[in-house]
Amino acid sequence: MKLNGAQILVQSLNNEGVDHIFGYPGGAVLHIYDALDAQDDIKHILVRHEQGATHAADGYARASGKTGVVLVTSGPGITNAVTGIATAHMDSIPMVVISGQVPSPLIGNDAFQEVDAVGITRSCVKHNFLIKDINQISSTIKKAFHIASTGRPGPVLIDIPKDITIAQIDEPAYADTVNMRSYQPIVDGEPEQITKAAELILSSKQPIIYAGGGCVIGNADKELREFTRQLGFPITQTLMGLGAYPAKDDLFVGMLGMHGTYEANMSMHDSDCVIAVGARFDDRITANISKFCPTAKIIHIDIDPSSIGKNVAVDVPIVGEVKSVLQDLITALKGKKTADISAWWSQITQWRGKDSLAYQTKKGVIKPQTVIETLYEVTKGEAIVTSDVGQHQMWAAQYYHFNEPRRWINSGGLGTMGFGLPAAMGAKLADPDRDVACVTGEGSIQMMLQELSTMLQYDTPVKIINLNNGYLGMVRQWQEFFYEKRYAMSYMEALPDFVKLAESYGHMGIKVEREEDLKPALIEAFKQKDRTVFLDIITDPSENVFPMIPSGAGHNEMLLAGRDEMASTNDEGLNLV
């Protein structure tokens, strides 16, 4: 039986177990769309913008643990998708992006809707392919899914010219396995390094476990919990790692970094042994690297060898899957006695007494922190929460206590406005029985607002929590602190009526302006199981995110709300952040 390239492509996707594709048609991919239309196994989600397709596939991947799949056309189709591809790349999310390309004979001729997709995406994908022969389609699909989902996951691009989708060959066999000599991710850690790490752990008197997004992506939450409880060590988590260890557990000292808790950052600063698990020591975590963990020996566990020692020198590097390495460490430490860390816990308890997440309420004004606390109460902490980037992202991370992995979905590395809404749609498709809340701001929501149309078409009822303060909040906060309150272009004028806007898309809208109306509105919204509800919540425009590590400072130089004044800094300090 003869099949064309498009049919082989769709069949290959089916063989990979793909059940959803997020995409937007165009001339270069019409044969692929024709092939999709002829089958029922894979559901195509027609987004309203290609960036929305990548974010939705990203949210789907994070919520399900599967590989997200995107289909876009050539030229503007792929360039529109680049931001979402880069977002997935920075956060190590498995994704396969299929882009159409102009016919092979026209490549390089500046044809209509032609761009060099491989060249444009090279810096923000794990790997990319240009298919030059119809016989390469099925093997390329197999390789792409393998690369995207193994090792340190990430997006893989497949660029396929239109003529390749038209050509026909006999139906090819689809390989059950793939073997790539040039790509062999290390799974198990070196036994010698495991032993060294175990010895350092057992001797440390001021240890802390520093867990990142690799624990979530690597499905190592069970092992992380066992490891932490076996040792009785304090544990902190990055923005991306939240949920890998339960936020309500006594051993958890909160999120660390620029807006982390006082106890988490002070524990990092004074530690004598940092056990970094699936984390990459990025600038939002380390603050001023010259002041980072000055007395600590560092153990770094990561699947990606290039991440180890990249930003911070480490004493015991362990390359391997987080899950596998933790299992080995659990075995190595079984029955062993750790040093007495009771004095360390006494110190941490003292730091906890600072209550660094406390905030002042004000009559007649809705505080954004209160919104998140109420959201947690109403959803009993069981919702999937997506966000964009900015103040609302930080408040969601600080005040919604994530006790399970894959419940917190946000753009951590790239910091992409517009991510939250399509990601919520993708998460809802991945887990339709769970409540999904998109915590956003009036700036971020307008970046991808058109996906409200997609959500109606494909029945993905999520709850949108718009913390509307009339500003680009984090920009305004920085302008207040570092630019002498010159609020250049950060005030959002001419905002739409979000309630009417939501209703025009066929959804339900609720405006909340009084604190006493907040909880009833949230309860009512989450009662609407079959409808998307847009809650436009008018919040305090002057509220800032605290705690905060100012630019150029170390973990031990945090500023706390209502207790410290933020002073302006020099250009040198600003450049460090």
Protein backbone atom coordinates (compact mmCIF):
# COMPACT_ATOMS: atom_id res chain seq x y z
CA MET A 1 0.00 0.00 0.00
CA LYS A 2 1.37 3.35 -1.05
CA LEU A 3 1.25 6.32 1.33
CA ASN A 4 2.26 9.91 0.82
CA GLY A 5 4.68 11.68 3.16
CA ALA A 6 1.91 13.38 5.09
CA GLN A 7 0.17 10.06 5.76
CA ILE A 8 3.44 8.48 6.90
CA LEU A 9 4.02 11.44 9.22
CA VAL A 10 0.58 11.13 10.83
CA GLN A 11 0.91 7.36 11.10
CA SER A 12 4.30 7.80 12.79
CA LEU A 13 2.81 10.24 15.29
CA ASN A 14 0.09 7.72 16.02
CA ASN A 15 2.75 5.05 16.60
CA GLU A 16 4.33 7.37 19.19
CA GLY A 17 1.05 7.50 21.09
CA VAL A 18 0.27 11.11 20.28
CA ASP A 19 -3.32 12.00 21.17
CA HIS A 20 -3.27 15.81 20.81
CA ILE A 21 -1.60 18.15 18.32
CA PHE A 22 -1.71 21.91 18.72
CA GLY A 23 -1.39 23.80 15.49
CA TYR A 24 -2.43 26.23 12.78
CA PRO A 25 -2.69 25.36 9.06
CA GLY A 26 -1.00 27.03 6.13
CA GLY A 27 0.03 26.29 2.57
CA ALA A 28 3.15 24.26 3.36
CA VAL A 29 1.34 21.83 5.67
CA LEU A 30 -1.99 21.34 3.90
CA HIS A 31 -1.19 17.76 2.94
CA ILE A 32 -0.47 17.00 6.60
CA TYR A 33 -3.77 18.55 7.61
CA ASP A 34 -5.53 16.51 4.96
CA ALA A 35 -3.99 13.37 6.45
CA LEU A 36 -5.00 14.42 9.98
CA ASP A 37 -8.57 14.94 8.82
CA ALA A 38 -8.73 11.37 7.52
CA GLN A 39 -8.16 9.79 10.97
CA ASP A 40 -9.73 9.97 14.42
CA ASP A 41 -6.97 8.86 16.79
CA ILE A 42 -5.16 12.18 17.05
CA LYS A 43 -7.17 15.26 18.02
CA HIS A 44 -6.02 18.52 16.49
CA ILE A 45 -6.49 21.70 18.54
CA LEU A 46 -6.80 24.74 16.28
CA VAL A 47 -5.22 27.61 18.19
CA ARG A 48 -5.54 31.29 17.21
CA HIS A 49 -1.79 31.98 17.15
CA GLU A 50 1.22 29.71 16.72
CA GLN A 51 2.75 30.94 19.96
CA GLY A 52 -0.44 29.76 21.64
CA ALA A 53 0.12 26.31 20.08
CA THR A 54 3.58 25.96 21.60
CA HIS A 55 2.47 27.18 25.04
CA ALA A 56 -0.55 24.86 25.00
CA ALA A 57 1.64 21.89 24.02
CA ASP A 58 4.05 22.95 26.75
CA GLY A 59 1.29 23.04 29.39
CA TYR A 60 0.03 19.69 28.15
CA ALA A 61 3.53 18.20 28.47
CA ARG A 62 4.13 19.59 31.97
CA ALA A 63 0.78 18.40 33.28
CA SER A 64 0.87 14.93 31.67
CA GLY A 65 4.56 14.08 31.51
CA LYS A 66 4.11 13.27 27.81
CA THR A 67 5.75 14.98 24.84
CA GLY A 68 3.81 17.96 23.51
CA VAL A 69 3.34 18.15 19.73
CA VAL A 70 3.00 21.27 17.58
CA LEU A 71 2.26 21.67 13.88
CA VAL A 72 2.83 25.00 12.11
CA THR A 73 3.33 26.19 8.58
CA SER A 74 6.43 27.73 7.03
CA GLY A 75 7.59 31.35 7.33
CA PRO A 76 5.53 33.30 9.86
CA GLY A 77 4.10 30.05 11.18
CA ILE A 78 7.44 28.93 12.54
CA THR A 79 8.69 32.40 13.51
CA ASN A 80 5.51 32.93 15.56
CA ALA A 81 6.27 29.67 17.35
CA VAL A 82 9.86 30.55 18.30
CA THR A 83 9.00 32.21 21.62
CA GLY A 84 7.14 29.10 22.78
CA ILE A 85 9.96 26.85 21.58
CA ALA A 86 12.48 28.94 23.52
CA THR A 87 10.23 28.79 26.60
CA ALA A 88 10.20 24.99 26.46
CA HIS A 89 13.94 24.90 25.85
CA MET A 90 14.76 27.02 28.91
CA ASP A 91 12.53 24.88 31.16
CA SER A 92 13.56 21.51 29.64
CA ILE A 93 10.09 20.54 28.43
CA PRO A 94 9.74 17.65 25.93
CA MET A 95 8.19 18.94 22.72
CA VAL A 96 8.22 18.00 19.04
CA VAL A 97 7.54 20.90 16.68
CA ILE A 98 6.73 20.04 13.07
CA SER A 99 7.09 22.98 10.70
CA GLY A 100 6.17 23.01 7.06
CA GLN A 101 8.74 24.25 4.57
CA VAL A 102 8.54 25.45 0.98
CA PRO A 103 9.16 22.75 -1.67
CA SER A 104 12.76 21.50 -1.74
CA PRO A 105 13.65 23.08 -5.13
CA LEU A 106 12.63 26.51 -3.78
CA ILE A 107 14.65 26.43 -0.56
CA GLY A 108 17.14 29.29 -0.61
CA ASN A 109 15.28 31.21 -3.31
CA ASP A 110 13.39 33.56 -0.95
CA ALA A 111 10.16 31.84 -1.88
CA PHE A 112 6.80 32.92 -0.50
CA GLN A 113 6.65 32.18 3.27
CA GLU A 114 10.19 30.83 3.36
CA VAL A 115 12.49 31.18 6.34
CA ASP A 116 15.43 29.09 7.46
CA ALA A 117 13.60 27.28 10.25
CA VAL A 118 16.60 25.15 11.17
CA GLY A 119 18.87 28.19 11.41
CA ILE A 120 16.38 30.34 13.31
CA THR A 121 15.67 27.69 15.95
CA ARG A 122 19.19 26.28 16.33
CA SER A 123 19.89 28.15 19.56
CA CYS A 124 16.61 27.28 21.27
CA VAL A 125 16.06 23.58 20.50
CA LYS A 126 17.68 20.44 21.74
CA HIS A 127 18.02 19.29 18.13
CA ASN A 128 16.48 19.99 14.75
CA PHE A 129 16.00 18.11 11.48
CA LEU A 130 15.39 19.08 7.87
CA ILE A 131 13.83 16.12 6.09
CA LYS A 132 15.19 15.79 2.55
CA ASP A 133 13.79 12.39 1.61
CA ILE A 134 10.40 10.80 2.18
CA ASN A 135 12.17 7.66 3.39
CA GLN A 136 13.51 9.65 6.37
CA ILE A 137 10.11 10.61 7.79
CA SER A 138 9.33 7.70 10.09
CA SER A 139 12.91 7.34 11.39
CA THR A 140 13.14 11.10 12.00
CA ILE A 141 9.90 11.08 14.00
CA LYS A 142 11.25 8.21 16.10
CA LYS A 143 14.52 10.04 16.74
CA ALA A 144 12.77 13.31 17.51
CA PHE A 145 10.55 11.83 20.23
CA HIS A 146 13.49 9.93 21.68
CA ILE A 147 15.68 13.03 21.86
CA ALA A 148 12.89 15.26 23.17
CA SER A 149 11.91 12.96 26.04
CA THR A 150 15.20 11.46 27.24
CA GLY A 151 18.28 12.89 28.96
CA ARG A 152 17.60 16.51 29.71
CA PRO A 153 14.28 16.92 27.84
CA GLY A 154 13.69 19.72 25.40
CA PRO A 155 12.05 20.78 22.13
CA VAL A 156 13.01 19.16 18.84
CA LEU A 157 12.13 20.73 15.47
CA ILE A 158 11.32 18.77 12.33
CA ASP A 159 11.23 20.94 9.20
CA ILE A 160 9.54 19.16 6.31
CA PRO A 161 9.30 20.57 2.76
CA LYS A 162 5.90 20.43 1.08
CA ASP A 163 7.06 18.19 -1.77
CA ILE A 164 8.17 15.56 0.77
CA THR A 165 4.61 15.43 2.14
CA ILE A 166 3.25 14.92 -1.38
CA ALA A 167 5.63 12.17 -2.55
CA GLN A 168 4.54 8.53 -2.22
CA ILE A 169 6.29 5.29 -1.23
CA ASP A 170 5.25 1.88 -0.02
CA GLU A 171 4.10 1.92 3.60
CA PRO A 172 7.27 1.77 5.74
CA ALA A 173 7.73 -0.26 8.91
CA TYR A 174 7.95 1.78 12.09
CA ALA A 175 10.90 0.91 14.29
CA ASP A 176 10.20 -0.19 17.87
CA THR A 177 13.50 1.13 19.16
CA VAL A 178 16.02 3.78 18.24
CA ASN A 179 19.79 3.71 18.59
CA MET A 180 21.82 6.86 18.04
CA ARG A 181 25.55 6.53 18.54
CA SER A 182 25.94 10.29 18.91
CA TYR A 183 23.25 10.55 21.56
CA GLN A 184 23.63 8.34 24.63
CA PRO A 185 22.35 10.06 27.78
CA ILE A 186 23.95 8.91 31.02
CA VAL A 187 21.37 7.35 33.34
CA ASP A 188 23.28 6.06 36.36
CA GLY A 189 25.67 8.09 38.47
CA GLU A 190 29.28 6.99 38.95
CA PRO A 191 29.50 4.73 42.05
CA GLU A 192 32.66 6.53 43.19
CA GLN A 193 30.86 9.88 43.10
CA ILE A 194 27.87 8.41 44.93
CA THR A 195 30.22 7.25 47.70
CA LYS A 196 31.90 10.68 47.92
CA ALA A 197 28.52 12.39 48.14
CA ALA A 198 27.33 9.99 50.85
CA GLU A 199 30.44 10.66 52.95
CA LEU A 200 30.00 14.42 52.65
CA ILE A 201 26.30 14.17 53.52
CA LEU A 202 26.97 12.07 56.63
CA SER A 203 29.60 14.51 57.96
CA SER A 204 27.70 17.76 57.35
CA LYS A 205 26.33 19.67 60.32
CA GLN A 206 24.48 22.41 58.43
CA PRO A 207 23.13 20.67 55.32
CA ILE A 208 20.38 21.70 52.96
CA ILE A 209 18.77 19.97 49.99
CA TYR A 210 18.25 22.28 47.03
CA ALA A 211 15.75 20.71 44.60
CA GLY A 212 14.95 22.04 41.15
CA GLY A 213 12.71 21.39 38.17
CA GLY A 214 14.68 18.26 37.27
CA CYS A 215 12.94 16.48 40.14
CA VAL A 216 9.56 17.19 38.52
CA ILE A 217 10.60 16.56 34.92
CA GLY A 218 12.51 13.43 35.94
CA ASN A 219 9.53 12.03 37.91
CA ALA A 220 11.76 11.79 40.96
CA ASP A 221 9.35 13.25 43.52
CA LYS A 222 8.91 9.90 45.31
CA GLU A 223 12.68 9.42 45.61
CA LEU A 224 13.21 13.04 46.68
CA ARG A 225 10.69 12.64 49.50
CA GLU A 226 12.22 9.39 50.67
CA PHE A 227 15.75 10.81 50.52
CA THR A 228 14.82 13.97 52.44
CA ARG A 229 12.86 12.17 55.15
CA GLN A 230 15.53 9.48 55.50
CA LEU A 231 18.07 12.21 56.35
CA GLY A 232 15.77 14.65 58.15
CA PHE A 233 17.49 17.52 56.32
CA PRO A 234 15.88 20.86 55.51
CA ILE A 235 14.86 21.19 51.88
CA THR A 236 14.31 24.21 49.68
CA GLN A 237 12.97 24.25 46.11
CA THR A 238 13.34 26.49 43.11
CA LEU A 239 10.43 28.10 41.32
CA MET A 240 10.44 25.20 38.83
CA GLY A 241 10.81 22.56 41.52
CA LEU A 242 7.74 23.46 43.60
CA GLY A 243 5.55 20.45 44.28
CA ALA A 244 8.31 17.86 44.02
CA TYR A 245 8.41 18.00 47.82
CA PRO A 246 5.22 18.88 49.74
CA ALA A 247 5.05 22.54 50.71
CA LYS A 248 3.20 21.71 53.91
CA ASP A 249 5.90 19.33 55.20
CA ASP A 250 7.90 20.47 58.23
CA LEU A 251 11.22 19.83 56.47
CA PHE A 252 10.38 22.30 53.70
CA VAL A 253 11.79 25.76 54.38
CA GLY A 254 10.19 27.44 51.37
CA MET A 255 11.28 28.58 47.94
CA LEU A 256 14.72 30.12 47.64
CA GLY A 257 16.12 32.87 45.45
CA MET A 258 15.32 36.48 44.68
CA HIS A 259 11.82 36.24 46.19
CA GLY A 260 12.37 33.20 48.37
CA THR A 261 11.73 32.93 52.10
CA TYR A 262 14.13 34.31 54.67
CA GLU A 263 14.75 30.87 56.16
CA ALA A 264 15.47 29.26 52.77
CA ASN A 265 17.99 31.87 51.70
CA MET A 266 19.69 32.11 55.08
CA SER A 267 19.94 28.31 55.23
CA MET A 268 21.63 28.32 51.84
CA HIS A 269 24.04 31.08 52.86
CA ASP A 270 25.11 29.45 56.13
CA SER A 271 25.08 25.85 54.93
CA ASP A 272 28.18 23.68 55.02
CA CYS A 273 26.77 21.20 52.50
CA VAL A 274 24.39 21.99 49.62
CA ILE A 275 22.87 18.97 47.88
CA ALA A 276 21.63 20.31 44.55
CA VAL A 277 19.21 17.92 42.88
CA GLY A 278 18.09 18.68 39.33
CA ALA A 279 18.75 22.41 39.66
CA ARG A 280 20.92 24.67 37.52
CA PHE A 281 22.12 27.52 39.78
CA ASP A 282 20.62 30.28 37.65
CA ASP A 283 21.00 33.95 38.53
CA ARG A 284 17.57 34.26 40.19
CA ILE A 285 18.67 31.56 42.65
CA THR A 286 22.28 32.43 43.34
CA ALA A 287 21.94 36.21 43.59
CA ASN A 288 25.52 37.60 43.64
CA ILE A 289 27.61 34.54 42.83
CA SER A 290 30.65 35.94 44.65
CA LYS A 291 28.58 35.82 47.86
CA PHE A 292 26.86 32.47 47.15
CA CYS A 293 27.13 29.78 49.84
CA PRO A 294 30.58 30.90 51.01
CA THR A 295 31.21 28.03 53.43
CA ALA A 296 29.43 25.18 51.64
CA LYS A 297 30.66 22.08 49.91
CA ILE A 298 28.37 21.49 46.94
CA ILE A 299 27.04 18.20 45.58
CA HIS A 300 25.39 18.67 42.19
CA ILE A 301 23.20 15.96 40.64
CA ASP A 302 22.06 16.61 37.07
CA ILE A 303 21.35 14.67 33.88
CA ASP A 304 23.05 17.38 31.81
CA PRO A 305 26.84 17.40 32.24
CA SER A 306 27.04 20.90 30.73
CA SER A 307 24.95 22.29 33.61
CA ILE A 308 27.35 21.06 36.27
CA GLY A 309 29.96 23.67 37.09
CA LYS A 310 28.48 26.08 34.54
CA ASN A 311 27.64 28.85 37.00
CA VAL A 312 28.96 27.62 40.33
CA ALA A 313 32.00 25.45 41.08
CA VAL A 314 30.98 22.14 42.70
CA ASP A 315 32.85 19.70 44.90
CA VAL A 316 31.05 16.45 44.04
CA PRO A 317 29.55 16.38 40.53
CA ILE A 318 27.21 13.49 39.72
CA VAL A 319 25.95 13.10 36.16
CA GLY A 320 22.87 10.95 35.84
CA GLU A 321 19.10 10.82 36.03
CA VAL A 322 17.90 12.37 39.27
CA LYS A 323 15.64 9.41 39.99
CA SER A 324 18.41 6.84 39.55
CA VAL A 325 21.03 8.82 41.51
CA LEU A 326 18.66 9.42 44.43
CA GLN A 327 17.85 5.71 44.54
CA ASP A 328 21.58 4.96 44.76
CA LEU A 329 22.09 7.56 47.48
CA ILE A 330 19.14 6.21 49.48
CA THR A 331 20.74 2.76 49.35
CA ALA A 332 24.22 4.09 50.21
CA LEU A 333 22.92 6.00 53.24
CA LYS A 334 20.60 3.30 54.56
CA GLY A 335 21.37 2.46 58.17
CA LYS A 336 24.06 5.16 58.36
CA LYS A 337 24.02 7.78 61.09
CA THR A 338 24.21 11.44 60.12
CA ALA A 339 25.87 14.13 62.20
CA ASP A 340 23.80 15.84 64.90
CA ILE A 341 22.01 18.77 63.22
CA SER A 342 19.73 19.77 66.09
CA ALA A 343 21.56 23.10 66.49
CA TRP A 344 21.08 23.70 62.77
CA TRP A 345 17.35 23.12 63.04
CA SER A 346 17.20 25.48 66.03
CA GLN A 347 18.78 28.18 63.90
CA ILE A 348 16.34 27.52 61.03
CA THR A 349 13.41 27.72 63.46
CA GLN A 350 14.70 31.11 64.57
CA TRP A 351 14.84 32.29 60.95
CA ARG A 352 11.33 30.99 60.39
CA GLY A 353 10.22 33.24 63.22
CA LYS A 354 10.82 36.22 60.93
CA ASP A 355 7.61 35.20 59.07
CA SER A 356 9.05 36.67 55.89
CA LEU A 357 5.89 36.11 53.84
CA ALA A 358 3.75 38.19 56.20
CA TYR A 359 2.04 41.17 54.57
CA GLN A 360 -0.12 44.05 55.71
CA THR A 361 -3.79 44.12 54.81
CA LYS A 362 -5.64 47.34 54.17
CA LYS A 363 -9.37 47.92 54.54
CA GLY A 364 -11.11 48.52 51.24
CA VAL A 365 -8.22 47.15 49.19
CA ILE A 366 -7.74 43.61 47.88
CA LYS A 367 -4.20 42.40 48.41
CA PRO A 368 -2.93 40.04 45.70
CA GLN A 369 -1.49 37.71 48.37
CA THR A 370 -4.98 37.36 49.82
CA VAL A 371 -6.30 36.33 46.40
CA ILE A 372 -3.81 33.47 46.15
CA GLU A 373 -4.42 32.35 49.75
CA THR A 374 -8.15 32.31 49.08
CA LEU A 375 -7.62 30.43 45.81
CA TYR A 376 -5.66 27.81 47.74
CA GLU A 377 -8.44 27.55 50.32
CA VAL A 378 -11.24 27.24 47.78
CA THR A 379 -9.42 24.64 45.65
CA LYS A 380 -8.06 22.83 48.75
CA GLY A 381 -4.63 23.08 47.16
CA GLU A 382 -5.51 20.49 44.52
CA ALA A 383 -5.76 22.62 41.37
CA ILE A 384 -3.26 22.87 38.55
CA VAL A 385 -2.07 26.48 38.59
CA THR A 386 -0.51 28.15 35.58
CA SER A 387 0.98 31.63 35.43
CA ASP A 388 2.91 33.96 33.20
CA VAL A 389 5.79 36.04 34.56
CA GLY A 390 5.94 38.94 36.99
CA GLN A 391 4.45 39.79 40.35
CA HIS A 392 1.46 37.47 39.99
CA GLN A 393 3.82 34.58 39.24
CA MET A 394 5.80 35.20 42.42
CA TRP A 395 2.70 35.57 44.58
CA ALA A 396 1.28 32.33 43.20
CA ALA A 397 4.56 30.55 43.96
CA GLN A 398 4.75 32.00 47.47
CA TYR A 399 1.16 31.61 48.68
CA TYR A 400 -0.27 28.60 46.81
CA HIS A 401 1.26 25.65 48.62
CA PHE A 402 2.07 22.96 46.06
CA ASN A 403 2.12 19.52 47.62
CA GLU A 404 2.29 17.45 44.43
CA PRO A 405 4.36 17.69 41.24
CA ARG A 406 3.00 18.86 37.89
CA ARG A 407 0.52 21.19 39.61
CA TRP A 408 2.58 24.35 39.09
CA ILE A 409 3.10 25.32 35.46
CA ASN A 410 4.91 28.53 34.65
CA SER A 411 7.57 30.05 32.43
CA GLY A 412 10.51 29.94 34.81
CA GLY A 413 13.58 30.27 32.60
CA LEU A 414 12.51 32.51 29.73
CA GLY A 415 9.87 34.44 31.68
CA THR A 416 7.28 34.59 28.90
CA MET A 417 4.27 36.86 29.14
CA GLY A 418 1.22 35.22 27.58
CA PHE A 419 2.26 31.73 28.66
CA GLY A 420 -0.38 31.18 31.33
CA LEU A 421 -3.63 31.08 29.35
CA PRO A 422 -2.71 28.63 26.55
CA ALA A 423 -0.71 26.55 29.07
CA ALA A 424 -3.86 26.27 31.18
CA MET A 425 -5.77 25.07 28.13
CA GLY A 426 -3.11 22.43 27.43
CA ALA A 427 -3.09 21.33 31.08
CA LYS A 428 -6.87 20.97 31.07
CA LEU A 429 -6.72 18.76 27.99
CA ALA A 430 -4.07 16.65 29.73
CA ASP A 431 -6.05 16.35 32.98
CA PRO A 432 -9.71 17.18 32.23
CA ASP A 433 -11.03 16.11 35.64
CA ARG A 434 -8.85 18.48 37.64
CA ASP A 435 -9.53 22.17 38.29
CA VAL A 436 -7.13 24.42 36.40
CA ALA A 437 -6.52 28.03 37.42
CA CYS A 438 -4.58 30.54 35.36
CA VAL A 439 -3.13 33.20 37.65
CA THR A 440 -2.30 36.14 35.43
CA GLY A 441 -2.13 39.93 35.20
CA GLU A 442 -3.78 42.44 32.91
CA GLY A 443 -0.51 42.78 30.97
CA SER A 444 0.19 39.08 30.46
CA ILE A 445 -3.37 38.05 29.69
CA GLN A 446 -3.56 40.41 26.73
CA MET A 447 -0.59 38.73 25.05
CA MET A 448 -2.53 35.54 24.27
CA LEU A 449 -6.11 36.61 24.92
CA GLN A 450 -7.34 35.23 21.60
CA GLU A 451 -6.96 31.67 22.89
CA LEU A 452 -10.21 32.24 24.80
CA SER A 453 -11.78 31.41 21.45
CA THR A 454 -9.90 28.11 21.24
CA MET A 455 -10.95 27.24 24.79
CA LEU A 456 -14.60 27.62 23.88
CA GLN A 457 -14.25 25.56 20.72
CA TYR A 458 -12.54 22.65 22.45
CA ASP A 459 -14.35 22.85 25.79
CA THR A 460 -11.47 23.45 28.16
CA PRO A 461 -13.11 25.15 31.15
CA VAL A 462 -10.41 26.86 33.22
CA LYS A 463 -10.63 29.64 35.79
CA ILE A 464 -8.71 32.82 34.99
CA ILE A 465 -7.58 34.78 38.04
CA ASN A 466 -6.60 38.20 36.72
CA LEU A 467 -4.71 40.21 39.37
CA ASN A 468 -5.53 43.57 37.86
CA ASN A 469 -3.44 46.36 39.36
CA GLY A 470 -3.33 48.63 36.31
CA TYR A 471 0.43 48.25 35.93
CA LEU A 472 3.05 46.00 34.45
CA GLY A 473 3.62 45.08 38.07
CA MET A 474 7.17 43.81 38.21
CA VAL A 475 8.35 46.56 35.87
CA ARG A 476 6.66 49.12 38.13
CA GLN A 477 8.24 47.53 41.22
CA TRP A 478 11.73 47.79 39.74
CA GLN A 479 11.06 51.36 38.64
CA GLU A 480 10.03 52.20 42.19
CA PHE A 481 13.14 50.63 43.68
CA PHE A 482 15.84 51.38 41.12
CA TYR A 483 14.62 54.24 38.91
CA GLU A 484 13.45 56.78 41.50
CA LYS A 485 9.76 56.05 40.83
CA ARG A 486 9.91 57.03 37.17
CA TYR A 487 7.15 54.74 35.89
CA ALA A 488 8.10 54.83 32.24
CA MET A 489 5.54 53.01 30.10
CA SER A 490 4.49 50.65 32.89
CA TYR A 491 0.98 51.96 33.46
CA MET A 492 -1.72 50.13 31.52
CA GLU A 493 -4.14 52.72 30.17
CA ALA A 494 -7.26 51.99 28.15
CA LEU A 495 -7.79 48.52 29.61
CA PRO A 496 -10.77 46.58 28.24
CA ASP A 497 -13.79 45.56 30.26
CA PHE A 498 -12.56 42.02 30.91
CA VAL A 499 -15.99 40.78 31.99
CA LYS A 500 -17.62 41.88 28.75
CA LEU A 501 -14.63 40.62 26.81
CA ALA A 502 -14.90 37.17 28.38
CA GLU A 503 -18.62 37.12 27.70
CA SER A 504 -18.04 38.08 24.06
CA TYR A 505 -15.93 34.90 23.74
CA GLY A 506 -18.80 32.86 25.19
CA HIS A 507 -17.40 32.60 28.72
CA MET A 508 -18.49 33.86 32.12
CA GLY A 509 -16.99 37.00 33.61
CA ILE A 510 -16.95 38.22 37.24
CA LYS A 511 -15.48 41.51 38.44
CA VAL A 512 -14.31 41.63 42.06
CA GLU A 513 -13.58 45.00 43.66
CA ARG A 514 -14.24 44.33 47.37
CA GLU A 515 -12.41 41.87 49.60
CA GLU A 516 -15.66 40.55 51.07
CA ASP A 517 -16.72 39.50 47.55
CA LEU A 518 -13.49 37.63 46.81
CA LYS A 519 -14.17 34.25 48.37
CA PRO A 520 -17.82 34.01 47.20
CA ALA A 521 -16.71 34.88 43.66
CA LEU A 522 -14.02 32.18 43.67
CA ILE A 523 -16.45 29.61 45.09
CA GLU A 524 -18.98 30.49 42.39
CA ALA A 525 -16.34 30.30 39.66
CA PHE A 526 -15.15 26.83 40.65
CA LYS A 527 -18.75 25.61 40.88
CA GLN A 528 -18.94 26.21 37.12
CA LYS A 529 -17.30 22.93 36.14
CA ASP A 530 -18.22 23.19 32.48
CA ARG A 531 -17.46 26.87 31.88
CA THR A 532 -14.41 29.04 31.64
CA VAL A 533 -14.74 31.86 34.16
CA PHE A 534 -12.75 35.09 33.95
CA LEU A 535 -12.34 36.74 37.38
CA ASP A 536 -11.15 40.32 36.99
CA ILE A 537 -9.90 41.09 40.50
CA ILE A 538 -8.92 44.69 41.19
CA THR A 539 -5.89 44.57 43.48
CA ASP A 540 -3.67 47.05 45.31
CA PRO A 541 -1.56 48.83 42.64
CA SER A 542 1.17 49.74 45.12
CA GLU A 543 1.85 46.23 46.44
CA ASN A 544 5.35 44.83 45.91
CA VAL A 545 6.76 41.31 46.01
CA PHE A 546 8.71 40.60 49.18
CA PRO A 547 11.02 39.19 50.43
CA MET A 548 13.52 40.42 47.88
CA ILE A 549 17.23 40.13 47.38
CA PRO A 550 18.33 43.48 45.91
CA SER A 551 20.68 43.53 42.96
CA GLY A 552 24.29 42.83 43.85
CA ALA A 553 23.36 41.37 47.24
CA GLY A 554 23.77 37.90 48.69
CA HIS A 555 21.27 35.49 50.26
CA ASN A 556 21.97 36.97 53.70
CA GLU A 557 21.08 40.49 52.57
CA MET A 558 17.35 40.07 52.02
CA LEU A 559 14.81 42.85 52.37
CA LEU A 560 11.54 42.09 54.17
CA ALA A 561 8.19 43.79 53.64
CA GLY A 562 7.49 46.60 56.06
CA ARG A 563 10.85 46.18 57.78
CA ASP A 564 13.51 47.22 55.30
CA GLU A 565 13.75 50.07 52.87
CA MET A 566 14.74 49.49 49.30
CA ALA A 567 17.48 51.88 48.32
CA SER A 568 18.36 52.72 44.77
CA THR A 569 21.47 51.03 43.46
CA ASN A 570 24.16 51.84 40.96
CA ASP A 571 24.43 50.63 37.41
CA GLU A 572 26.95 47.97 38.36
CA GLY A 573 24.47 46.43 40.78
CA LEU A 574 21.65 46.58 38.27
CA ASN A 575 23.72 44.73 35.72
CA LEU A 576 24.03 41.77 38.06
CA VAL A 577 20.29 41.08 37.89
